[in-house]
Amino acid sequence: MAALTALRSTVARIARRLGETGASLVEYTLLVALIAAVAIGAIGFLGDEAESTMCNTGTAIANADGTPPASVPC
């Protein structure tokens, strides 16, 4: 809930700088909230797969110089 409050205050501050009020502020808030929800959903949905991909990439980079395989924590 604190994140939502911070988001609202940030959007309000940006809207004041742009000279926007009323309905425009609501539109900006909804747009930012939608973007945040999609980003959180994507991270939650792809989290394990992204972690596995990053781990495999890190291991490949660590072992790319031809030395014996290094122990890379994942």
N, C-alpha and C. Protein backbone atom coordinates (compact mmCIF):
# COMPACT_ATOMS: atom_id res chain seq x y z
N MET A 1 0.82 -1.18 0.00
CA MET A 1 0.00 0.00 0.00
C MET A 1 0.87 1.25 0.00
N ALA A 2 2.02 1.17 0.64
CA ALA A 2 2.93 2.32 0.67
C ALA A 2 3.45 2.63 -0.73
N ALA A 3 3.65 1.58 -1.52
CA ALA A 3 4.14 1.79 -2.89
C ALA A 3 3.09 2.53 -3.71
N LEU A 4 1.83 2.19 -3.51
CA LEU A 4 0.75 2.85 -4.24
C LEU A 4 0.65 4.32 -3.85
N THR A 5 0.82 4.60 -2.58
CA THR A 5 0.79 5.99 -2.10
C THR A 5 1.95 6.78 -2.70
N ALA A 6 3.12 6.17 -2.72
CA ALA A 6 4.28 6.83 -3.32
C ALA A 6 4.07 7.06 -4.81
N LEU A 7 3.46 6.08 -5.47
CA LEU A 7 3.18 6.20 -6.89
C LEU A 7 2.22 7.36 -7.16
N ARG A 8 1.19 7.46 -6.34
CA ARG A 8 0.22 8.55 -6.52
C ARG A 8 0.89 9.91 -6.34
N SER A 9 1.72 10.03 -5.31
CA SER A 9 2.37 11.32 -5.07
C SER A 9 3.34 11.67 -6.20
N THR A 10 4.01 10.67 -6.74
CA THR A 10 4.93 10.91 -7.86
C THR A 10 4.17 11.37 -9.09
N VAL A 11 3.08 10.69 -9.38
CA VAL A 11 2.28 11.07 -10.54
C VAL A 11 1.70 12.47 -10.35
N ALA A 12 1.25 12.78 -9.15
CA ALA A 12 0.70 14.11 -8.88
C ALA A 12 1.77 15.18 -9.06
N ARG A 13 2.97 14.91 -8.59
CA ARG A 13 4.06 15.89 -8.73
C ARG A 13 4.40 16.11 -10.20
N ILE A 14 4.45 15.04 -10.98
CA ILE A 14 4.73 15.16 -12.41
C ILE A 14 3.61 15.94 -13.10
N ALA A 15 2.37 15.65 -12.74
CA ALA A 15 1.23 16.33 -13.35
C ALA A 15 1.25 17.83 -13.04
N ARG A 16 1.63 18.19 -11.82
CA ARG A 16 1.73 19.61 -11.48
C ARG A 16 2.79 20.30 -12.32
N ARG A 17 3.90 19.62 -12.55
CA ARG A 17 4.95 20.21 -13.38
C ARG A 17 4.49 20.40 -14.81
N LEU A 18 3.67 19.49 -15.28
CA LEU A 18 3.18 19.57 -16.65
C LEU A 18 1.97 20.49 -16.77
N GLY A 19 1.43 20.93 -15.66
CA GLY A 19 0.26 21.79 -15.68
C GLY A 19 -1.03 21.03 -15.93
N GLU A 20 -1.01 19.72 -15.71
CA GLU A 20 -2.19 18.91 -15.93
C GLU A 20 -2.94 18.73 -14.61
N THR A 21 -4.26 18.72 -14.67
CA THR A 21 -5.06 18.49 -13.47
C THR A 21 -6.27 17.66 -13.82
N GLY A 22 -7.02 17.29 -12.82
CA GLY A 22 -8.30 16.61 -13.02
C GLY A 22 -8.19 15.28 -13.73
N ALA A 23 -8.93 15.15 -14.83
CA ALA A 23 -9.01 13.88 -15.55
C ALA A 23 -7.66 13.43 -16.06
N SER A 24 -6.80 14.34 -16.46
CA SER A 24 -5.48 13.96 -16.97
C SER A 24 -4.67 13.27 -15.88
N LEU A 25 -4.77 13.76 -14.66
CA LEU A 25 -4.06 13.15 -13.54
C LEU A 25 -4.55 11.73 -13.33
N VAL A 26 -5.85 11.52 -13.42
CA VAL A 26 -6.41 10.18 -13.27
C VAL A 26 -5.90 9.27 -14.38
N GLU A 27 -5.86 9.78 -15.59
CA GLU A 27 -5.37 8.99 -16.72
C GLU A 27 -3.91 8.60 -16.53
N TYR A 28 -3.08 9.54 -16.10
CA TYR A 28 -1.67 9.24 -15.86
C TYR A 28 -1.52 8.20 -14.76
N THR A 29 -2.30 8.35 -13.70
CA THR A 29 -2.24 7.40 -12.59
C THR A 29 -2.63 6.01 -13.04
N LEU A 30 -3.70 5.91 -13.80
CA LEU A 30 -4.13 4.60 -14.29
C LEU A 30 -3.09 3.99 -15.22
N LEU A 31 -2.49 4.80 -16.06
CA LEU A 31 -1.47 4.31 -16.98
C LEU A 31 -0.26 3.78 -16.23
N VAL A 32 0.22 4.53 -15.25
CA VAL A 32 1.37 4.09 -14.46
C VAL A 32 1.03 2.83 -13.67
N ALA A 33 -0.16 2.77 -13.10
CA ALA A 33 -0.58 1.58 -12.35
C ALA A 33 -0.66 0.36 -13.27
N LEU A 34 -1.17 0.54 -14.47
CA LEU A 34 -1.24 -0.56 -15.43
C LEU A 34 0.15 -1.05 -15.81
N ILE A 35 1.05 -0.13 -16.07
CA ILE A 35 2.43 -0.51 -16.42
C ILE A 35 3.07 -1.27 -15.27
N ALA A 36 2.87 -0.79 -14.04
CA ALA A 36 3.44 -1.47 -12.87
C ALA A 36 2.85 -2.87 -12.71
N ALA A 37 1.55 -3.01 -12.90
CA ALA A 37 0.91 -4.32 -12.77
C ALA A 37 1.43 -5.29 -13.81
N VAL A 38 1.60 -4.84 -15.04
CA VAL A 38 2.12 -5.70 -16.10
C VAL A 38 3.56 -6.10 -15.80
N ALA A 39 4.37 -5.15 -15.33
CA ALA A 39 5.76 -5.47 -15.01
C ALA A 39 5.85 -6.48 -13.87
N ILE A 40 5.04 -6.30 -12.83
CA ILE A 40 5.05 -7.23 -11.71
C ILE A 40 4.57 -8.61 -12.16
N GLY A 41 3.54 -8.64 -12.97
CA GLY A 41 3.05 -9.92 -13.49
C GLY A 41 4.07 -10.63 -14.36
N ALA A 42 4.76 -9.89 -15.21
CA ALA A 42 5.78 -10.49 -16.07
C ALA A 42 6.94 -11.03 -15.27
N ILE A 43 7.36 -10.30 -14.26
CA ILE A 43 8.46 -10.77 -13.42
C ILE A 43 8.04 -12.02 -12.65
N GLY A 44 6.83 -12.02 -12.14
CA GLY A 44 6.33 -13.20 -11.44
C GLY A 44 6.19 -14.40 -12.34
N PHE A 45 5.73 -14.17 -13.56
CA PHE A 45 5.52 -15.27 -14.51
C PHE A 45 6.83 -15.82 -15.05
N LEU A 46 7.76 -14.93 -15.34
CA LEU A 46 9.03 -15.34 -15.95
C LEU A 46 10.19 -15.42 -14.96
N GLY A 47 9.94 -15.23 -13.69
CA GLY A 47 11.00 -15.15 -12.69
C GLY A 47 11.93 -16.34 -12.67
N ASP A 48 11.40 -17.56 -12.56
CA ASP A 48 12.26 -18.74 -12.48
C ASP A 48 13.02 -18.98 -13.77
N GLU A 49 12.35 -18.75 -14.89
CA GLU A 49 13.01 -18.95 -16.18
C GLU A 49 14.12 -17.93 -16.38
N ALA A 50 13.87 -16.69 -16.01
CA ALA A 50 14.89 -15.66 -16.14
C ALA A 50 16.08 -15.95 -15.23
N GLU A 51 15.81 -16.42 -14.02
CA GLU A 51 16.90 -16.76 -13.10
C GLU A 51 17.76 -17.89 -13.67
N SER A 52 17.12 -18.90 -14.23
CA SER A 52 17.85 -20.02 -14.82
C SER A 52 18.69 -19.56 -16.00
N THR A 53 18.13 -18.70 -16.85
CA THR A 53 18.86 -18.20 -18.00
C THR A 53 20.07 -17.38 -17.57
N MET A 54 19.89 -16.52 -16.58
CA MET A 54 21.01 -15.71 -16.09
C MET A 54 22.10 -16.59 -15.48
N CYS A 55 21.69 -17.61 -14.75
CA CYS A 55 22.65 -18.52 -14.13
C CYS A 55 23.46 -19.25 -15.20
N ASN A 56 22.78 -19.76 -16.22
CA ASN A 56 23.48 -20.46 -17.30
C ASN A 56 24.42 -19.53 -18.05
N THR A 57 24.00 -18.30 -18.28
CA THR A 57 24.84 -17.33 -18.96
C THR A 57 26.07 -16.99 -18.13
N GLY A 58 25.88 -16.79 -16.84
CA GLY A 58 26.99 -16.50 -15.95
C GLY A 58 28.00 -17.63 -15.89
N THR A 59 27.51 -18.85 -15.85
CA THR A 59 28.39 -20.02 -15.84
C THR A 59 29.17 -20.10 -17.14
N ALA A 60 28.51 -19.87 -18.27
CA ALA A 60 29.19 -19.91 -19.57
C ALA A 60 30.27 -18.84 -19.66
N ILE A 61 30.00 -17.65 -19.16
CA ILE A 61 30.99 -16.57 -19.18
C ILE A 61 32.17 -16.92 -18.28
N ALA A 62 31.88 -17.46 -17.09
CA ALA A 62 32.94 -17.81 -16.15
C ALA A 62 33.85 -18.89 -16.71
N ASN A 63 33.32 -19.77 -17.53
CA ASN A 63 34.09 -20.88 -18.07
C ASN A 63 34.55 -20.64 -19.50
N ALA A 64 34.40 -19.45 -20.03
CA ALA A 64 34.70 -19.17 -21.43
C ALA A 64 36.18 -19.09 -21.74
N ASP A 65 37.03 -18.87 -20.75
CA ASP A 65 38.44 -18.67 -21.04
C ASP A 65 39.23 -19.99 -21.14
N GLY A 66 38.58 -21.12 -21.04
CA GLY A 66 39.24 -22.41 -21.23
C GLY A 66 39.80 -23.01 -19.96
N THR A 67 39.73 -22.32 -18.87
CA THR A 67 40.20 -22.89 -17.61
C THR A 67 39.19 -23.90 -17.12
N PRO A 68 39.57 -24.73 -16.15
CA PRO A 68 38.60 -25.71 -15.63
C PRO A 68 37.34 -24.99 -15.13
N PRO A 69 36.20 -25.66 -15.24
CA PRO A 69 34.94 -25.01 -14.84
C PRO A 69 34.99 -24.48 -13.42
N ALA A 70 34.55 -23.25 -13.31
CA ALA A 70 34.49 -22.62 -11.99
C ALA A 70 33.17 -22.93 -11.33
N SER A 71 33.18 -22.91 -10.03
CA SER A 71 31.94 -23.11 -9.30
C SER A 71 31.24 -21.76 -9.19
N VAL A 72 30.14 -21.62 -9.92
CA VAL A 72 29.39 -20.37 -9.93
C VAL A 72 28.09 -20.59 -9.17
N PRO A 73 27.90 -19.87 -8.07
CA PRO A 73 26.63 -20.06 -7.33
C PRO A 73 25.45 -19.49 -8.09
N CYS A 74 24.39 -20.23 -8.11
CA CYS A 74 23.19 -19.77 -8.81
C CYS A 74 22.05 -19.59 -7.86
